[in-house]
Protein backbone atom coordinates (compact mmCIF):
# COMPACT_ATOMS: atom_id res chain seq x y z
CA UNK A 1 0.00 0.00 0.00
CA UNK A 2 1.34 3.45 -0.82
CA UNK A 3 2.44 5.19 2.40
CA UNK A 4 1.08 8.58 1.31
CA UNK A 5 -2.32 7.07 0.59
CA UNK A 6 -2.38 5.50 4.06
CA UNK A 7 -1.36 8.78 5.66
CA UNK A 8 -4.12 10.64 3.83
CA UNK A 9 -6.65 7.97 4.82
CA UNK A 10 -5.52 8.18 8.46
CA UNK A 11 -5.97 11.96 8.50
CA UNK A 12 -9.44 11.81 6.99
CA UNK A 13 -10.70 8.89 9.10
CA UNK A 14 -9.51 10.64 12.27
CA UNK A 15 -11.52 13.73 11.30
CA UNK A 16 -14.60 11.57 10.82
CA UNK A 17 -14.05 9.95 14.22
CA UNK A 18 -13.75 13.31 15.97
CA UNK A 19 -16.57 15.12 14.18
CA UNK A 20 -20.01 14.56 15.60
CA UNK A 21 -21.58 15.12 12.18
CA UNK A 22 -18.96 14.47 9.49
CA UNK A 23 -19.67 16.10 6.16
CA UNK A 24 -20.87 14.02 3.26
CA UNK A 25 -18.03 15.47 1.18
CA UNK A 26 -15.47 14.13 3.66
CA UNK A 27 -17.10 10.70 3.60
CA UNK A 28 -17.13 10.77 -0.22
CA UNK A 29 -13.41 11.55 -0.22
CA UNK A 30 -12.66 8.59 2.02
CA UNK A 31 -14.73 6.27 -0.15
CA UNK A 32 -12.83 7.52 -3.18
CA UNK A 33 -9.45 6.52 -1.73
CA UNK A 34 -10.22 3.20 -0.04
CA UNK A 35 -7.33 0.96 -1.02
CA UNK A 36 -7.22 -2.05 1.30
CA UNK A 37 -9.66 -4.38 3.00
CA UNK A 38 -8.38 -3.06 6.33
CA UNK A 39 -9.19 0.53 5.38
CA UNK A 40 -12.61 -0.53 4.19
CA UNK A 41 -13.32 -2.37 7.45
CA UNK A 42 -12.09 0.55 9.55
CA UNK A 43 -14.22 2.99 7.60
CA UNK A 44 -17.40 0.91 7.95
CA UNK A 45 -16.67 0.42 11.65
CA UNK A 46 -16.39 4.19 12.13
CA UNK A 47 -19.68 4.72 10.28
CA UNK A 48 -21.46 2.12 12.41
CA UNK A 49 -20.06 3.76 15.54
CA UNK A 50 -21.48 7.11 14.37
CA UNK A 51 -24.89 5.52 13.85
CA UNK A 52 -24.71 3.91 17.29
CA UNK A 53 -23.73 7.17 19.02
CA UNK A 54 -26.70 9.15 17.70
CA UNK A 55 -30.17 8.77 19.15
CA UNK A 56 -31.60 9.78 15.78
CA UNK A 57 -28.89 8.91 13.24
CA UNK A 58 -28.89 10.53 9.85
CA UNK A 59 -30.78 8.59 7.21
CA UNK A 60 -27.99 9.45 4.77
CA UNK A 61 -25.42 7.95 7.12
CA UNK A 62 -27.43 4.76 7.55
CA UNK A 63 -27.89 4.54 3.77
CA UNK A 64 -24.12 4.91 3.36
CA UNK A 65 -23.48 2.07 5.84
CA UNK A 66 -25.95 -0.17 4.01
CA UNK A 67 -24.38 0.67 0.63
CA UNK A 68 -20.87 -0.08 1.90
CA UNK A 69 -22.01 -3.38 3.42
CA UNK A 70 -23.76 -4.33 0.17
CA UNK A 71 -20.57 -3.58 -1.75
CA UNK A 72 -18.67 -5.89 0.60
CA UNK A 73 -21.22 -8.65 0.09
CA UNK A 74 -20.98 -8.36 -3.69
CA UNK A 75 -17.16 -8.41 -3.55
CA UNK A 76 -17.11 -11.53 -1.36
C-alpha atoms as a PDB file:
ATOM      1  CA  UNK A   1       0.000   0.000   0.000  1.00  0.00           C
ATOM      2  CA  UNK A   2       1.340   3.454  -0.822  1.00  0.00           C
ATOM      3  CA  UNK A   3       2.440   5.191   2.395  1.00  0.00           C
ATOM      4  CA  UNK A   4       1.083   8.575   1.307  1.00  0.00           C
ATOM      5  CA  UNK A   5      -2.319   7.073   0.588  1.00  0.00           C
ATOM      6  CA  UNK A   6      -2.383   5.496   4.062  1.00  0.00           C
ATOM      7  CA  UNK A   7      -1.362   8.775   5.663  1.00  0.00           C
ATOM      8  CA  UNK A   8      -4.121  10.643   3.832  1.00  0.00           C
ATOM      9  CA  UNK A   9      -6.651   7.973   4.818  1.00  0.00           C
ATOM     10  CA  UNK A  10      -5.524   8.178   8.465  1.00  0.00           C
ATOM     11  CA  UNK A  11      -5.968  11.956   8.504  1.00  0.00           C
ATOM     12  CA  UNK A  12      -9.443  11.806   6.987  1.00  0.00           C
ATOM     13  CA  UNK A  13     -10.703   8.894   9.095  1.00  0.00           C
ATOM     14  CA  UNK A  14      -9.513  10.639  12.270  1.00  0.00           C
ATOM     15  CA  UNK A  15     -11.518  13.727  11.296  1.00  0.00           C
ATOM     16  CA  UNK A  16     -14.605  11.573  10.825  1.00  0.00           C
ATOM     17  CA  UNK A  17     -14.050   9.945  14.219  1.00  0.00           C
ATOM     18  CA  UNK A  18     -13.752  13.305  15.968  1.00  0.00           C
ATOM     19  CA  UNK A  19     -16.567  15.118  14.182  1.00  0.00           C
ATOM     20  CA  UNK A  20     -20.010  14.561  15.601  1.00  0.00           C
ATOM     21  CA  UNK A  21     -21.579  15.122  12.179  1.00  0.00           C
ATOM     22  CA  UNK A  22     -18.958  14.474   9.491  1.00  0.00           C
ATOM     23  CA  UNK A  23     -19.669  16.099   6.161  1.00  0.00           C
ATOM     24  CA  UNK A  24     -20.867  14.022   3.263  1.00  0.00           C
ATOM     25  CA  UNK A  25     -18.028  15.472   1.184  1.00  0.00           C
ATOM     26  CA  UNK A  26     -15.471  14.132   3.664  1.00  0.00           C
ATOM     27  CA  UNK A  27     -17.097  10.695   3.596  1.00  0.00           C
ATOM     28  CA  UNK A  28     -17.131  10.771  -0.215  1.00  0.00           C
ATOM     29  CA  UNK A  29     -13.407  11.551  -0.224  1.00  0.00           C
ATOM     30  CA  UNK A  30     -12.660   8.593   2.016  1.00  0.00           C
ATOM     31  CA  UNK A  31     -14.729   6.272  -0.146  1.00  0.00           C
ATOM     32  CA  UNK A  32     -12.825   7.518  -3.177  1.00  0.00           C
ATOM     33  CA  UNK A  33      -9.451   6.522  -1.733  1.00  0.00           C
ATOM     34  CA  UNK A  34     -10.224   3.198  -0.038  1.00  0.00           C
ATOM     35  CA  UNK A  35      -7.335   0.958  -1.022  1.00  0.00           C
ATOM     36  CA  UNK A  36      -7.217  -2.053   1.297  1.00  0.00           C
ATOM     37  CA  UNK A  37      -9.658  -4.384   3.001  1.00  0.00           C
ATOM     38  CA  UNK A  38      -8.380  -3.063   6.331  1.00  0.00           C
ATOM     39  CA  UNK A  39      -9.195   0.528   5.385  1.00  0.00           C
ATOM     40  CA  UNK A  40     -12.609  -0.534   4.188  1.00  0.00           C
ATOM     41  CA  UNK A  41     -13.325  -2.373   7.454  1.00  0.00           C
ATOM     42  CA  UNK A  42     -12.086   0.547   9.551  1.00  0.00           C
ATOM     43  CA  UNK A  43     -14.224   2.994   7.599  1.00  0.00           C
ATOM     44  CA  UNK A  44     -17.396   0.908   7.946  1.00  0.00           C
ATOM     45  CA  UNK A  45     -16.673   0.419  11.650  1.00  0.00           C
ATOM     46  CA  UNK A  46     -16.389   4.192  12.134  1.00  0.00           C
ATOM     47  CA  UNK A  47     -19.682   4.719  10.284  1.00  0.00           C
ATOM     48  CA  UNK A  48     -21.459   2.119  12.409  1.00  0.00           C
ATOM     49  CA  UNK A  49     -20.063   3.763  15.540  1.00  0.00           C
ATOM     50  CA  UNK A  50     -21.476   7.110  14.367  1.00  0.00           C
ATOM     51  CA  UNK A  51     -24.888   5.519  13.846  1.00  0.00           C
ATOM     52  CA  UNK A  52     -24.705   3.908  17.294  1.00  0.00           C
ATOM     53  CA  UNK A  53     -23.732   7.174  19.019  1.00  0.00           C
ATOM     54  CA  UNK A  54     -26.703   9.147  17.702  1.00  0.00           C
ATOM     55  CA  UNK A  55     -30.170   8.771  19.154  1.00  0.00           C
ATOM     56  CA  UNK A  56     -31.596   9.783  15.779  1.00  0.00           C
ATOM     57  CA  UNK A  57     -28.893   8.905  13.242  1.00  0.00           C
ATOM     58  CA  UNK A  58     -28.893  10.525   9.851  1.00  0.00           C
ATOM     59  CA  UNK A  59     -30.779   8.585   7.212  1.00  0.00           C
ATOM     60  CA  UNK A  60     -27.989   9.446   4.773  1.00  0.00           C
ATOM     61  CA  UNK A  61     -25.416   7.955   7.121  1.00  0.00           C
ATOM     62  CA  UNK A  62     -27.435   4.764   7.553  1.00  0.00           C
ATOM     63  CA  UNK A  63     -27.885   4.536   3.767  1.00  0.00           C
ATOM     64  CA  UNK A  64     -24.121   4.909   3.363  1.00  0.00           C
ATOM     65  CA  UNK A  65     -23.478   2.074   5.837  1.00  0.00           C
ATOM     66  CA  UNK A  66     -25.948  -0.166   4.006  1.00  0.00           C
ATOM     67  CA  UNK A  67     -24.385   0.675   0.635  1.00  0.00           C
ATOM     68  CA  UNK A  68     -20.872  -0.076   1.897  1.00  0.00           C
ATOM     69  CA  UNK A  69     -22.008  -3.376   3.420  1.00  0.00           C
ATOM     70  CA  UNK A  70     -23.762  -4.330   0.170  1.00  0.00           C
ATOM     71  CA  UNK A  71     -20.570  -3.579  -1.755  1.00  0.00           C
ATOM     72  CA  UNK A  72     -18.672  -5.886   0.599  1.00  0.00           C
ATOM     73  CA  UNK A  73     -21.222  -8.649   0.092  1.00  0.00           C
ATOM     74  CA  UNK A  74     -20.975  -8.360  -3.689  1.00  0.00           C
ATOM     75  CA  UNK A  75     -17.161  -8.413  -3.548  1.00  0.00           C
ATOM     76  CA  UNK A  76     -17.106 -11.533  -1.357  1.00  0.00           C
END
